[in-house]
C-alpha cells in the first residue's frame, strides 16, 4: 500500500510541475489589431464645437464621428476643409481609426454615374 501512495504522490508532483512549466512557457498573444472602418450615410447633426458630427446610415445606428487637426477632407478627389465638407444633410464617407476619429471625410458631388478618381 505504501508503494501505491508513493506512486500517487509522484504523479501529483509531475502534474504540478507540468502545470507550473506550461504557465511559464506560455506564448504571449499579440495585441488585437483594429483596422480602419468607415461610417457612410447622411450628416444628421454637427457638434457646436466642431469636434464631431453624427452620421445616420441607411440602416443601423447613428455613428458619432470625431475629427481633429489631422483629419483630411475631400469633395470628390479634391482637398477641402471641414466647413465645406461637413454640412447637415450631406452624404459622406468617413474613414475612422480605432479610436473613432476620422482620418478622412469624403463627399461625392460628381454627376451621377461618373467615375471619380
PDB file of N, CA and C in Angstrom:
ATOM      1  N   UNK A   1       0.811  -1.179   0.000  1.00  0.00           N
ATOM      2  CA  UNK A   1       0.000   0.000   0.000  1.00  0.00           C
ATOM      3  C   UNK A   1       0.865   1.257   0.000  1.00  0.00           C
ATOM      4  N   UNK A   2       1.981   1.243   0.637  1.00  0.00           N
ATOM      5  CA  UNK A   2       2.901   2.371   0.623  1.00  0.00           C
ATOM      6  C   UNK A   2       3.381   2.681  -0.791  1.00  0.00           C
ATOM      7  N   UNK A   3       3.595   1.626  -1.579  1.00  0.00           N
ATOM      8  CA  UNK A   3       4.043   1.807  -2.948  1.00  0.00           C
ATOM      9  C   UNK A   3       3.000   2.577  -3.765  1.00  0.00           C
ATOM     10  N   UNK A   4       1.739   2.302  -3.542  1.00  0.00           N
ATOM     11  CA  UNK A   4       0.659   2.978  -4.261  1.00  0.00           C
ATOM     12  C   UNK A   4       0.617   4.457  -3.881  1.00  0.00           C
ATOM     13  N   UNK A   5       0.763   4.773  -2.604  1.00  0.00           N
ATOM     14  CA  UNK A   5       0.770   6.162  -2.155  1.00  0.00           C
ATOM     15  C   UNK A   5       1.965   6.917  -2.738  1.00  0.00           C
ATOM     16  N   UNK A   6       3.099   6.289  -2.798  1.00  0.00           N
ATOM     17  CA  UNK A   6       4.293   6.923  -3.364  1.00  0.00           C
ATOM     18  C   UNK A   6       4.055   7.217  -4.846  1.00  0.00           C
ATOM     19  N   UNK A   7       3.446   6.285  -5.566  1.00  0.00           N
ATOM     20  CA  UNK A   7       3.175   6.488  -6.984  1.00  0.00           C
ATOM     21  C   UNK A   7       2.171   7.626  -7.203  1.00  0.00           C
ATOM     22  N   UNK A   8       1.150   7.692  -6.355  1.00  0.00           N
ATOM     23  CA  UNK A   8       0.145   8.751  -6.465  1.00  0.00           C
ATOM     24  C   UNK A   8       0.793  10.107  -6.205  1.00  0.00           C
ATOM     25  N   UNK A   9       1.646  10.178  -5.181  1.00  0.00           N
ATOM     26  CA  UNK A   9       2.336  11.429  -4.868  1.00  0.00           C
ATOM     27  C   UNK A   9       3.255  11.840  -6.012  1.00  0.00           C
ATOM     28  N   UNK A  10       3.948  10.897  -6.613  1.00  0.00           N
ATOM     29  CA  UNK A  10       4.851  11.182  -7.726  1.00  0.00           C
ATOM     30  C   UNK A  10       4.057  11.714  -8.920  1.00  0.00           C
ATOM     31  N   UNK A  11       2.915  11.066  -9.194  1.00  0.00           N
ATOM     32  CA  UNK A  11       2.091  11.522 -10.319  1.00  0.00           C
ATOM     33  C   UNK A  11       1.553  12.931 -10.051  1.00  0.00           C
ATOM     34  N   UNK A  12       1.164  13.197  -8.819  1.00  0.00           N
ATOM     35  CA  UNK A  12       0.670  14.525  -8.465  1.00  0.00           C
ATOM     36  C   UNK A  12       1.780  15.558  -8.599  1.00  0.00           C
ATOM     37  N   UNK A  13       2.999  15.207  -8.185  1.00  0.00           N
ATOM     38  CA  UNK A  13       4.138  16.106  -8.285  1.00  0.00           C
ATOM     39  C   UNK A  13       4.480  16.389  -9.752  1.00  0.00           C
ATOM     40  N   UNK A  14       4.440  15.355 -10.575  1.00  0.00           N
ATOM     41  CA  UNK A  14       4.703  15.523 -12.003  1.00  0.00           C
ATOM     42  C   UNK A  14       3.626  16.425 -12.621  1.00  0.00           C
ATOM     43  N   UNK A  15       2.369  16.204 -12.270  1.00  0.00           N
ATOM     44  CA  UNK A  15       1.274  17.022 -12.798  1.00  0.00           C
ATOM     45  C   UNK A  15       1.441  18.480 -12.380  1.00  0.00           C
ATOM     46  N   UNK A  16       1.824  18.710 -11.133  1.00  0.00           N
ATOM     47  CA  UNK A  16       2.048  20.059 -10.626  1.00  0.00           C
ATOM     48  C   UNK A  16       3.195  20.721 -11.377  1.00  0.00           C
ATOM     49  N   UNK A  17       4.270  19.991 -11.580  1.00  0.00           N
ATOM     50  CA  UNK A  17       5.418  20.540 -12.319  1.00  0.00           C
ATOM     51  C   UNK A  17       5.025  20.903 -13.750  1.00  0.00           C
ATOM     52  N   UNK A  18       4.248  20.050 -14.385  1.00  0.00           N
ATOM     53  CA  UNK A  18       3.802  20.335 -15.747  1.00  0.00           C
ATOM     54  C   UNK A  18       2.931  21.584 -15.807  1.00  0.00           C
ATOM     55  N   UNK A  19       2.059  21.759 -14.816  1.00  0.00           N
ATOM     56  CA  UNK A  19       1.213  22.953 -14.792  1.00  0.00           C
ATOM     57  C   UNK A  19       2.051  24.211 -14.619  1.00  0.00           C
ATOM     58  N   UNK A  20       3.025  24.156 -13.731  1.00  0.00           N
ATOM     59  CA  UNK A  20       3.891  25.311 -13.492  1.00  0.00           C
ATOM     60  C   UNK A  20       4.711  25.622 -14.736  1.00  0.00           C
ATOM     61  N   UNK A  21       5.295  24.600 -15.333  1.00  0.00           N
ATOM     62  CA  UNK A  21       6.119  24.812 -16.522  1.00  0.00           C
ATOM     63  C   UNK A  21       5.293  25.297 -17.704  1.00  0.00           C
ATOM     64  N   UNK A  22       4.106  24.767 -17.876  1.00  0.00           N
ATOM     65  CA  UNK A  22       3.285  25.199 -19.014  1.00  0.00           C
ATOM     66  C   UNK A  22       2.872  26.653 -18.861  1.00  0.00           C
ATOM     67  N   UNK A  23       2.677  27.118 -17.662  1.00  0.00           N
ATOM     68  CA  UNK A  23       2.344  28.523 -17.427  1.00  0.00           C
ATOM     69  C   UNK A  23       3.524  29.434 -17.676  1.00  0.00           C
ATOM     70  N   UNK A  24       4.715  28.998 -17.369  1.00  0.00           N
ATOM     71  CA  UNK A  24       5.888  29.859 -17.522  1.00  0.00           C
ATOM     72  C   UNK A  24       6.406  29.888 -18.949  1.00  0.00           C
ATOM     73  N   UNK A  25       6.005  28.935 -19.760  1.00  0.00           N
ATOM     74  CA  UNK A  25       6.477  28.924 -21.141  1.00  0.00           C
ATOM     75  C   UNK A  25       5.369  29.299 -22.113  1.00  0.00           C
ATOM     76  N   UNK A  26       4.288  29.868 -21.596  1.00  0.00           N
ATOM     77  CA  UNK A  26       3.174  30.246 -22.468  1.00  0.00           C
ATOM     78  C   UNK A  26       3.624  31.328 -23.440  1.00  0.00           C
ATOM     79  N   UNK A  27       3.140  31.226 -24.644  1.00  0.00           N
ATOM     80  CA  UNK A  27       3.475  32.204 -25.667  1.00  0.00           C
ATOM     81  C   UNK A  27       2.526  33.383 -25.541  1.00  0.00           C
ATOM     82  N   UNK A  28       3.074  34.586 -25.501  1.00  0.00           N
ATOM     83  CA  UNK A  28       2.244  35.780 -25.390  1.00  0.00           C
ATOM     84  C   UNK A  28       1.472  35.990 -26.685  1.00  0.00           C
ATOM     85  N   UNK A  29       0.202  36.341 -26.551  1.00  0.00           N
ATOM     86  CA  UNK A  29      -0.628  36.607 -27.721  1.00  0.00           C
ATOM     87  C   UNK A  29      -0.420  38.057 -28.144  1.00  0.00           C
ATOM     88  N   UNK A  30      -0.390  38.319 -29.446  1.00  0.00           N
ATOM     89  CA  UNK A  30      -0.225  39.707 -29.891  1.00  0.00           C
ATOM     90  C   UNK A  30      -1.452  40.525 -29.541  1.00  0.00           C
ATOM     91  N   UNK A  31      -1.258  41.848 -29.410  1.00  0.00           N
ATOM     92  CA  UNK A  31      -2.380  42.732 -29.143  1.00  0.00           C
ATOM     93  C   UNK A  31      -3.360  42.685 -30.305  1.00  0.00           C
ATOM     94  N   UNK A  32      -4.604  42.948 -29.995  1.00  0.00           N
ATOM     95  CA  UNK A  32      -5.635  42.984 -31.015  1.00  0.00           C
ATOM     96  C   UNK A  32      -5.348  44.131 -31.969  1.00  0.00           C
ATOM     97  N   UNK A  33      -5.381  43.861 -33.258  1.00  0.00           N
ATOM     98  CA  UNK A  33      -5.151  44.885 -34.263  1.00  0.00           C
ATOM     99  C   UNK A  33      -6.503  45.299 -34.830  1.00  0.00           C
ATOM    100  N   UNK A  34      -6.824  46.562 -34.683  1.00  0.00           N
ATOM    101  CA  UNK A  34      -8.088  47.068 -35.185  1.00  0.00           C
ATOM    102  C   UNK A  34      -7.800  47.870 -36.445  1.00  0.00           C
ATOM    103  N   UNK A  35      -8.426  47.486 -37.525  1.00  0.00           N
ATOM    104  CA  UNK A  35      -8.233  48.181 -38.780  1.00  0.00           C
ATOM    105  C   UNK A  35      -9.210  49.342 -38.879  1.00  0.00           C
ATOM    106  N   UNK A  36      -8.900  50.261 -39.815  1.00  0.00           N
ATOM    107  CA  UNK A  36      -9.811  51.372 -40.065  1.00  0.00           C
ATOM    108  C   UNK A  36     -11.171  50.847 -40.489  1.00  0.00           C
ATOM    109  N   UNK A  37     -12.195  51.615 -40.182  1.00  0.00           N
ATOM    110  CA  UNK A  37     -13.555  51.275 -40.585  1.00  0.00           C
ATOM    111  C   UNK A  37     -14.174  52.525 -41.189  1.00  0.00           C
ATOM    112  N   UNK A  38     -15.328  52.396 -41.784  1.00  0.00           N
ATOM    113  CA  UNK A  38     -15.970  53.562 -42.377  1.00  0.00           C
ATOM    114  C   UNK A  38     -17.358  53.775 -41.810  1.00  0.00           C
ATOM    115  N   UNK A  39     -17.757  55.039 -41.821  1.00  0.00           N
ATOM    116  CA  UNK A  39     -19.120  55.427 -41.481  1.00  0.00           C
ATOM    117  C   UNK A  39     -19.677  56.103 -42.725  1.00  0.00           C
ATOM    118  N   UNK A  40     -20.705  55.494 -43.301  1.00  0.00           N
ATOM    119  CA  UNK A  40     -21.288  56.015 -44.530  1.00  0.00           C
ATOM    120  C   UNK A  40     -22.742  56.362 -44.286  1.00  0.00           C
ATOM    121  N   UNK A  41     -23.128  57.574 -44.676  1.00  0.00           N
ATOM    122  CA  UNK A  41     -24.515  57.979 -44.502  1.00  0.00           C
ATOM    123  C   UNK A  41     -24.672  59.471 -44.647  1.00  0.00           C
ATOM    124  N   UNK A  42     -25.755  59.981 -44.060  1.00  0.00           N
ATOM    125  CA  UNK A  42     -26.093  61.398 -44.141  1.00  0.00           C
ATOM    126  C   UNK A  42     -25.768  62.074 -42.821  1.00  0.00           C
ATOM    127  N   UNK A  43     -25.170  63.255 -42.901  1.00  0.00           N
ATOM    128  CA  UNK A  43     -24.850  64.001 -41.678  1.00  0.00           C
ATOM    129  C   UNK A  43     -26.150  64.509 -41.074  1.00  0.00           C
ATOM    130  N   UNK A  44     -26.392  64.103 -39.825  1.00  0.00           N
ATOM    131  CA  UNK A  44     -27.622  64.465 -39.125  1.00  0.00           C
ATOM    132  C   UNK A  44     -27.431  65.727 -38.279  1.00  0.00           C
ATOM    133  N   UNK A  45     -26.264  65.819 -37.629  1.00  0.00           N
ATOM    134  CA  UNK A  45     -26.010  66.994 -36.786  1.00  0.00           C
ATOM    135  C   UNK A  45     -24.505  67.195 -36.647  1.00  0.00           C
ATOM    136  N   UNK A  46     -24.143  68.422 -36.251  1.00  0.00           N
ATOM    137  CA  UNK A  46     -22.739  68.792 -36.070  1.00  0.00           C
ATOM    138  C   UNK A  46     -22.601  69.381 -34.674  1.00  0.00           C
ATOM    139  N   UNK A  47     -21.592  68.946 -33.931  1.00  0.00           N
ATOM    140  CA  UNK A  47     -21.355  69.471 -32.580  1.00  0.00           C
ATOM    141  C   UNK A  47     -21.037  70.959 -32.659  1.00  0.00           C
ATOM    142  N   UNK A  48     -21.498  71.709 -31.666  1.00  0.00           N
ATOM    143  CA  UNK A  48     -21.262  73.157 -31.631  1.00  0.00           C
ATOM    144  C   UNK A  48     -19.782  73.514 -31.683  1.00  0.00           C
ATOM    145  N   UNK A  49     -18.948  72.668 -31.068  1.00  0.00           N
ATOM    146  CA  UNK A  49     -17.510  72.960 -31.045  1.00  0.00           C
ATOM    147  C   UNK A  49     -16.787  72.486 -32.310  1.00  0.00           C
ATOM    148  N   UNK A  50     -17.522  71.829 -33.234  1.00  0.00           N
ATOM    149  CA  UNK A  50     -16.923  71.354 -34.475  1.00  0.00           C
ATOM    150  C   UNK A  50     -16.012  70.154 -34.307  1.00  0.00           C
ATOM    151  N   UNK A  51     -16.048  69.531 -33.143  1.00  0.00           N
ATOM    152  CA  UNK A  51     -15.177  68.396 -32.873  1.00  0.00           C
ATOM    153  C   UNK A  51     -15.746  67.054 -33.288  1.00  0.00           C
ATOM    154  N   UNK A  52     -17.011  67.047 -33.705  1.00  0.00           N
ATOM    155  CA  UNK A  52     -17.632  65.797 -34.129  1.00  0.00           C
ATOM    156  C   UNK A  52     -18.909  66.094 -34.895  1.00  0.00           C
ATOM    157  N   UNK A  53     -19.407  65.063 -35.567  1.00  0.00           N
ATOM    158  CA  UNK A  53     -20.705  65.140 -36.218  1.00  0.00           C
ATOM    159  C   UNK A  53     -21.327  63.755 -36.194  1.00  0.00           C
ATOM    160  N   UNK A  54     -22.635  63.694 -36.406  1.00  0.00           N
ATOM    161  CA  UNK A  54     -23.366  62.431 -36.341  1.00  0.00           C
ATOM    162  C   UNK A  54     -23.775  62.031 -37.758  1.00  0.00           C
ATOM    163  N   UNK A  55     -23.453  60.767 -38.103  1.00  0.00           N
ATOM    164  CA  UNK A  55     -23.822  60.213 -39.403  1.00  0.00           C
ATOM    165  C   UNK A  55     -24.940  59.207 -39.196  1.00  0.00           C
ATOM    166  N   UNK A  56     -25.997  59.351 -39.993  1.00  0.00           N
ATOM    167  CA  UNK A  56     -27.115  58.408 -39.971  1.00  0.00           C
ATOM    168  C   UNK A  56     -26.998  57.534 -41.211  1.00  0.00           C
ATOM    169  N   UNK A  57     -26.626  56.249 -41.023  1.00  0.00           N
ATOM    170  CA  UNK A  57     -26.539  55.351 -42.182  1.00  0.00           C
ATOM    171  C   UNK A  57     -27.934  54.980 -42.683  1.00  0.00           C
ATOM    172  N   UNK A  58     -27.991  54.406 -43.879  1.00  0.00           N
ATOM    173  CA  UNK A  58     -29.270  53.970 -44.437  1.00  0.00           C
ATOM    174  C   UNK A  58     -29.942  52.959 -43.511  1.00  0.00           C
ATOM    175  N   UNK A  59     -29.133  52.095 -42.886  1.00  0.00           N
ATOM    176  CA  UNK A  59     -29.643  51.116 -41.933  1.00  0.00           C
ATOM    177  C   UNK A  59     -28.716  51.097 -40.732  1.00  0.00           C
ATOM    178  N   UNK A  60     -29.267  50.848 -39.582  1.00  0.00           N
ATOM    179  CA  UNK A  60     -28.445  50.724 -38.387  1.00  0.00           C
ATOM    180  C   UNK A  60     -28.406  51.992 -37.563  1.00  0.00           C
ATOM    181  N   UNK A  61     -27.579  51.920 -36.532  1.00  0.00           N
ATOM    182  CA  UNK A  61     -27.494  53.002 -35.553  1.00  0.00           C
ATOM    183  C   UNK A  61     -26.661  54.169 -36.061  1.00  0.00           C
ATOM    184  N   UNK A  62     -26.964  55.337 -35.527  1.00  0.00           N
ATOM    185  CA  UNK A  62     -26.190  56.535 -35.846  1.00  0.00           C
ATOM    186  C   UNK A  62     -24.770  56.382 -35.315  1.00  0.00           C
ATOM    187  N   UNK A  63     -23.836  57.053 -35.986  1.00  0.00           N
ATOM    188  CA  UNK A  63     -22.429  56.981 -35.602  1.00  0.00           C
ATOM    189  C   UNK A  63     -21.923  58.394 -35.343  1.00  0.00           C
ATOM    190  N   UNK A  64     -21.307  58.607 -34.178  1.00  0.00           N
ATOM    191  CA  UNK A  64     -20.669  59.882 -33.904  1.00  0.00           C
ATOM    192  C   UNK A  64     -19.247  59.818 -34.431  1.00  0.00           C
ATOM    193  N   UNK A  65     -18.926  60.730 -35.326  1.00  0.00           N
ATOM    194  CA  UNK A  65     -17.606  60.779 -35.952  1.00  0.00           C
ATOM    195  C   UNK A  65     -16.840  61.942 -35.332  1.00  0.00           C
ATOM    196  N   UNK A  66     -15.736  61.623 -34.667  1.00  0.00           N
ATOM    197  CA  UNK A  66     -14.884  62.658 -34.092  1.00  0.00           C
ATOM    198  C   UNK A  66     -13.872  63.095 -35.146  1.00  0.00           C
ATOM    199  N   UNK A  67     -13.490  64.361 -35.123  1.00  0.00           N
ATOM    200  CA  UNK A  67     -12.484  64.877 -36.043  1.00  0.00           C
ATOM    201  C   UNK A  67     -11.421  65.606 -35.227  1.00  0.00           C
ATOM    202  N   UNK A  68     -10.242  65.757 -35.833  1.00  0.00           N
ATOM    203  CA  UNK A  68      -9.176  66.524 -35.186  1.00  0.00           C
ATOM    204  C   UNK A  68      -8.369  67.247 -36.256  1.00  0.00           C
ATOM    205  N   UNK A  69      -7.274  67.865 -35.862  1.00  0.00           N
ATOM    206  CA  UNK A  69      -6.465  68.652 -36.793  1.00  0.00           C
ATOM    207  C   UNK A  69      -5.851  67.800 -37.899  1.00  0.00           C
ATOM    208  N   UNK A  70      -5.742  66.498 -37.695  1.00  0.00           N
ATOM    209  CA  UNK A  70      -5.151  65.613 -38.703  1.00  0.00           C
ATOM    210  C   UNK A  70      -6.161  65.085 -39.712  1.00  0.00           C
ATOM    211  N   UNK A  71      -7.450  65.290 -39.460  1.00  0.00           N
ATOM    212  CA  UNK A  71      -8.483  64.788 -40.366  1.00  0.00           C
ATOM    213  C   UNK A  71      -8.376  65.488 -41.717  1.00  0.00           C
ATOM    214  N   UNK A  72      -8.422  64.697 -42.791  1.00  0.00           N
ATOM    215  CA  UNK A  72      -8.384  65.220 -44.170  1.00  0.00           C
ATOM    216  C   UNK A  72      -9.815  65.274 -44.701  1.00  0.00           C
ATOM    217  N   UNK A  73     -10.116  66.288 -45.485  1.00  0.00           N
ATOM    218  CA  UNK A  73     -11.448  66.464 -46.062  1.00  0.00           C
ATOM    219  C   UNK A  73     -11.325  66.539 -47.574  1.00  0.00           C
ATOM    220  N   UNK A  74     -12.286  65.907 -48.276  1.00  0.00           N
ATOM    221  CA  UNK A  74     -12.278  65.927 -49.735  1.00  0.00           C
ATOM    222  C   UNK A  74     -13.696  66.060 -50.273  1.00  0.00           C
ATOM    223  N   UNK A  75     -13.805  66.789 -51.365  1.00  0.00           N
ATOM    224  CA  UNK A  75     -15.025  66.803 -52.163  1.00  0.00           C
ATOM    225  C   UNK A  75     -14.615  66.159 -53.471  1.00  0.00           C
ATOM    226  N   UNK A  76     -15.223  65.020 -53.757  1.00  0.00           N
ATOM    227  CA  UNK A  76     -14.788  64.169 -54.861  1.00  0.00           C
ATOM    228  C   UNK A  76     -13.306  63.861 -54.635  1.00  0.00           C
ATOM    229  N   UNK A  77     -12.426  64.193 -55.552  1.00  0.00           N
ATOM    230  CA  UNK A  77     -10.998  63.894 -55.386  1.00  0.00           C
ATOM    231  C   UNK A  77     -10.201  65.125 -54.957  1.00  0.00           C
ATOM    232  N   UNK A  78     -10.904  66.229 -54.684  1.00  0.00           N
ATOM    233  CA  UNK A  78     -10.225  67.492 -54.369  1.00  0.00           C
ATOM    234  C   UNK A  78     -10.147  67.743 -52.869  1.00  0.00           C
ATOM    235  N   UNK A  79      -8.979  68.181 -52.407  1.00  0.00           N
ATOM    236  CA  UNK A  79      -8.820  68.534 -50.999  1.00  0.00           C
ATOM    237  C   UNK A  79      -9.777  69.670 -50.642  1.00  0.00           C
ATOM    238  N   UNK A  80     -10.273  69.633 -49.418  1.00  0.00           N
ATOM    239  CA  UNK A  80     -11.213  70.643 -48.964  1.00  0.00           C
ATOM    240  C   UNK A  80     -10.992  70.895 -47.473  1.00  0.00           C
ATOM    241  N   UNK A  81     -12.033  71.393 -46.786  1.00  0.00           N
ATOM    242  CA  UNK A  81     -11.918  71.662 -45.352  1.00  0.00           C
ATOM    243  C   UNK A  81     -13.220  71.296 -44.649  1.00  0.00           C
ATOM    244  N   UNK A  82     -13.189  71.348 -43.338  1.00  0.00           N
ATOM    245  CA  UNK A  82     -14.339  70.960 -42.518  1.00  0.00           C
ATOM    246  C   UNK A  82     -15.599  71.726 -42.931  1.00  0.00           C
ATOM    247  N   UNK A  83     -15.498  73.051 -43.023  1.00  0.00           N
ATOM    248  CA  UNK A  83     -16.675  73.881 -43.287  1.00  0.00           C
ATOM    249  C   UNK A  83     -17.314  73.578 -44.636  1.00  0.00           C
ATOM    250  N   UNK A  84     -16.518  73.205 -45.622  1.00  0.00           N
ATOM    251  CA  UNK A  84     -17.049  72.905 -46.949  1.00  0.00           C
ATOM    252  C   UNK A  84     -17.630  71.499 -47.050  1.00  0.00           C
ATOM    253  N   UNK A  85     -17.088  70.574 -46.291  1.00  0.00           N
ATOM    254  CA  UNK A  85     -17.492  69.171 -46.400  1.00  0.00           C
ATOM    255  C   UNK A  85     -18.593  68.803 -45.418  1.00  0.00           C
ATOM    256  N   UNK A  86     -18.444  69.189 -44.163  1.00  0.00           N
ATOM    257  CA  UNK A  86     -19.352  68.747 -43.101  1.00  0.00           C
ATOM    258  C   UNK A  86     -20.535  69.702 -42.992  1.00  0.00           C
ATOM    259  N   UNK A  87     -21.646  69.309 -43.647  1.00  0.00           N
ATOM    260  CA  UNK A  87     -22.875  70.091 -43.631  1.00  0.00           C
ATOM    261  C   UNK A  87     -24.046  69.137 -43.412  1.00  0.00           C
ATOM    262  N   UNK A  88     -25.002  69.548 -42.577  1.00  0.00           N
ATOM    263  CA  UNK A  88     -26.176  68.728 -42.292  1.00  0.00           C
ATOM    264  C   UNK A  88     -26.892  68.397 -43.602  1.00  0.00           C
ATOM    265  N   UNK A  89     -27.261  67.117 -43.748  1.00  0.00           N
ATOM    266  CA  UNK A  89     -27.979  66.655 -44.918  1.00  0.00           C
ATOM    267  C   UNK A  89     -27.086  66.116 -46.021  1.00  0.00           C
ATOM    268  N   UNK A  90     -25.795  66.313 -45.898  1.00  0.00           N
ATOM    269  CA  UNK A  90     -24.851  65.877 -46.926  1.00  0.00           C
ATOM    270  C   UNK A  90     -24.473  64.413 -46.713  1.00  0.00           C
ATOM    271  N   UNK A  91     -24.340  63.682 -47.819  1.00  0.00           N
ATOM    272  CA  UNK A  91     -23.909  62.281 -47.759  1.00  0.00           C
ATOM    273  C   UNK A  91     -22.388  62.228 -47.724  1.00  0.00           C
ATOM    274  N   UNK A  92     -21.858  61.468 -46.760  1.00  0.00           N
ATOM    275  CA  UNK A  92     -20.410  61.381 -46.588  1.00  0.00           C
ATOM    276  C   UNK A  92     -19.965  59.947 -46.364  1.00  0.00           C
ATOM    277  N   UNK A  93     -18.668  59.747 -46.579  1.00  0.00           N
ATOM    278  CA  UNK A  93     -17.998  58.511 -46.186  1.00  0.00           C
ATOM    279  C   UNK A  93     -16.834  58.957 -45.311  1.00  0.00           C
ATOM    280  N   UNK A  94     -16.852  58.544 -44.052  1.00  0.00           N
ATOM    281  CA  UNK A  94     -15.785  58.900 -43.119  1.00  0.00           C
ATOM    282  C   UNK A  94     -14.990  57.645 -42.778  1.00  0.00           C
ATOM    283  N   UNK A  95     -13.685  57.721 -42.963  1.00  0.00           N
ATOM    284  CA  UNK A  95     -12.804  56.621 -42.577  1.00  0.00           C
ATOM    285  C   UNK A  95     -12.363  56.882 -41.142  1.00  0.00           C
ATOM    286  N   UNK A  96     -12.628  55.916 -40.254  1.00  0.00           N
ATOM    287  CA  UNK A  96     -12.352  56.089 -38.822  1.00  0.00           C
ATOM    288  C   UNK A  96     -11.213  55.195 -38.379  1.00  0.00           C
ATOM    289  N   UNK A  97     -10.367  55.717 -37.488  1.00  0.00           N
ATOM    290  CA  UNK A  97      -9.322  54.876 -36.911  1.00  0.00           C
ATOM    291  C   UNK A  97      -9.891  54.119 -35.715  1.00  0.00           C
ATOM    292  N   UNK A  98      -9.059  53.389 -35.013  1.00  0.00           N
ATOM    293  CA  UNK A  98      -9.514  52.548 -33.898  1.00  0.00           C
ATOM    294  C   UNK A  98     -10.125  53.353 -32.762  1.00  0.00           C
ATOM    295  N   UNK A  99      -9.776  54.640 -32.665  1.00  0.00           N
ATOM    296  CA  UNK A  99     -10.316  55.498 -31.607  1.00  0.00           C
ATOM    297  C   UNK A  99     -11.616  56.185 -32.016  1.00  0.00           C
ATOM    298  N   UNK A 100     -12.088  55.914 -33.239  1.00  0.00           N
ATOM    299  CA  UNK A 100     -13.314  56.542 -33.716  1.00  0.00           C
ATOM    300  C   UNK A 100     -13.099  57.937 -34.273  1.00  0.00           C
ATOM    301  N   UNK A 101     -11.844  58.315 -34.480  1.00  0.00           N
ATOM    302  CA  UNK A 101     -11.526  59.629 -35.039  1.00  0.00           C
ATOM    303  C   UNK A 101     -11.385  59.489 -36.554  1.00  0.00           C
ATOM    304  N   UNK A 102     -11.997  60.400 -37.288  1.00  0.00           N
ATOM    305  CA  UNK A 102     -11.939  60.348 -38.746  1.00  0.00           C
ATOM    306  C   UNK A 102     -10.542  60.713 -39.229  1.00  0.00           C
ATOM    307  N   UNK A 103      -9.997  59.857 -40.079  1.00  0.00           N
ATOM    308  CA  UNK A 103      -8.736  60.184 -40.746  1.00  0.00           C
ATOM    309  C   UNK A 103      -9.026  60.896 -42.056  1.00  0.00           C
ATOM    310  N   UNK A 104     -10.222  60.613 -42.623  1.00  0.00           N
ATOM    311  CA  UNK A 104     -10.636  61.254 -43.874  1.00  0.00           C
ATOM    312  C   UNK A 104     -12.156  61.304 -43.942  1.00  0.00           C
ATOM    313  N   UNK A 105     -12.676  62.414 -44.456  1.00  0.00           N
ATOM    314  CA  UNK A 105     -14.111  62.572 -44.678  1.00  0.00           C
ATOM    315  C   UNK A 105     -14.276  62.997 -46.135  1.00  0.00           C
ATOM    316  N   UNK A 106     -15.060  62.210 -46.885  1.00  0.00           N
ATOM    317  CA  UNK A 106     -15.206  62.444 -48.326  1.00  0.00           C
ATOM    318  C   UNK A 106     -16.670  62.632 -48.690  1.00  0.00           C
ATOM    319  N   UNK A 107     -16.919  63.637 -49.529  1.00  0.00           N
ATOM    320  CA  UNK A 107     -18.241  63.878 -50.100  1.00  0.00           C
ATOM    321  C   UNK A 107     -18.129  63.619 -51.588  1.00  0.00           C
ATOM    322  N   UNK A 108     -19.108  62.939 -52.162  1.00  0.00           N
ATOM    323  CA  UNK A 108     -19.144  62.681 -53.601  1.00  0.00           C
ATOM    324  C   UNK A 108     -20.177  63.619 -54.222  1.00  0.00           C
ATOM    325  N   UNK A 109     -19.718  64.593 -55.011  1.00  0.00           N
ATOM    326  CA  UNK A 109     -20.630  65.520 -55.668  1.00  0.00           C
ATOM    327  C   UNK A 109     -20.623  65.374 -57.174  1.00  0.00           C
ATOM    328  N   UNK A 110     -19.772  64.486 -57.703  1.00  0.00           N
ATOM    329  CA  UNK A 110     -19.697  64.309 -59.155  1.00  0.00           C
ATOM    330  C   UNK A 110     -21.046  63.905 -59.708  1.00  0.00           C
ATOM    331  N   UNK A 111     -21.212  64.094 -61.015  1.00  0.00           N
ATOM    332  CA  UNK A 111     -22.513  63.746 -61.609  1.00  0.00           C
ATOM    333  C   UNK A 111     -22.781  62.258 -61.432  1.00  0.00           C
ATOM    334  N   UNK A 112     -24.020  61.901 -61.355  1.00  0.00           N
ATOM    335  CA  UNK A 112     -24.433  60.519 -61.110  1.00  0.00           C
ATOM    336  C   UNK A 112     -23.852  59.601 -62.166  1.00  0.00           C
ATOM    337  N   UNK A 113     -23.226  58.534 -61.734  1.00  0.00           N
ATOM    338  CA  UNK A 113     -22.649  57.557 -62.641  1.00  0.00           C
ATOM    339  C   UNK A 113     -21.232  57.883 -63.058  1.00  0.00           C
ATOM    340  N   UNK A 114     -20.736  59.053 -62.677  1.00  0.00           N
ATOM    341  CA  UNK A 114     -19.381  59.436 -63.057  1.00  0.00           C
ATOM    342  C   UNK A 114     -18.376  58.641 -62.245  1.00  0.00           C
ATOM    343  N   UNK A 115     -17.265  58.315 -62.856  1.00  0.00           N
ATOM    344  CA  UNK A 115     -16.187  57.653 -62.144  1.00  0.00           C
ATOM    345  C   UNK A 115     -15.265  58.739 -61.626  1.00  0.00           C
ATOM    346  N   UNK A 116     -15.116  58.788 -60.328  1.00  0.00           N
ATOM    347  CA  UNK A 116     -14.303  59.835 -59.704  1.00  0.00           C
ATOM    348  C   UNK A 116     -13.000  59.200 -59.234  1.00  0.00           C
ATOM    349  N   UNK A 117     -11.887  59.738 -59.672  1.00  0.00           N
ATOM    350  CA  UNK A 117     -10.582  59.227 -59.271  1.00  0.00           C
ATOM    351  C   UNK A 117      -9.781  60.291 -58.609  1.00  0.00           C
TER     352      UNK A 117
END
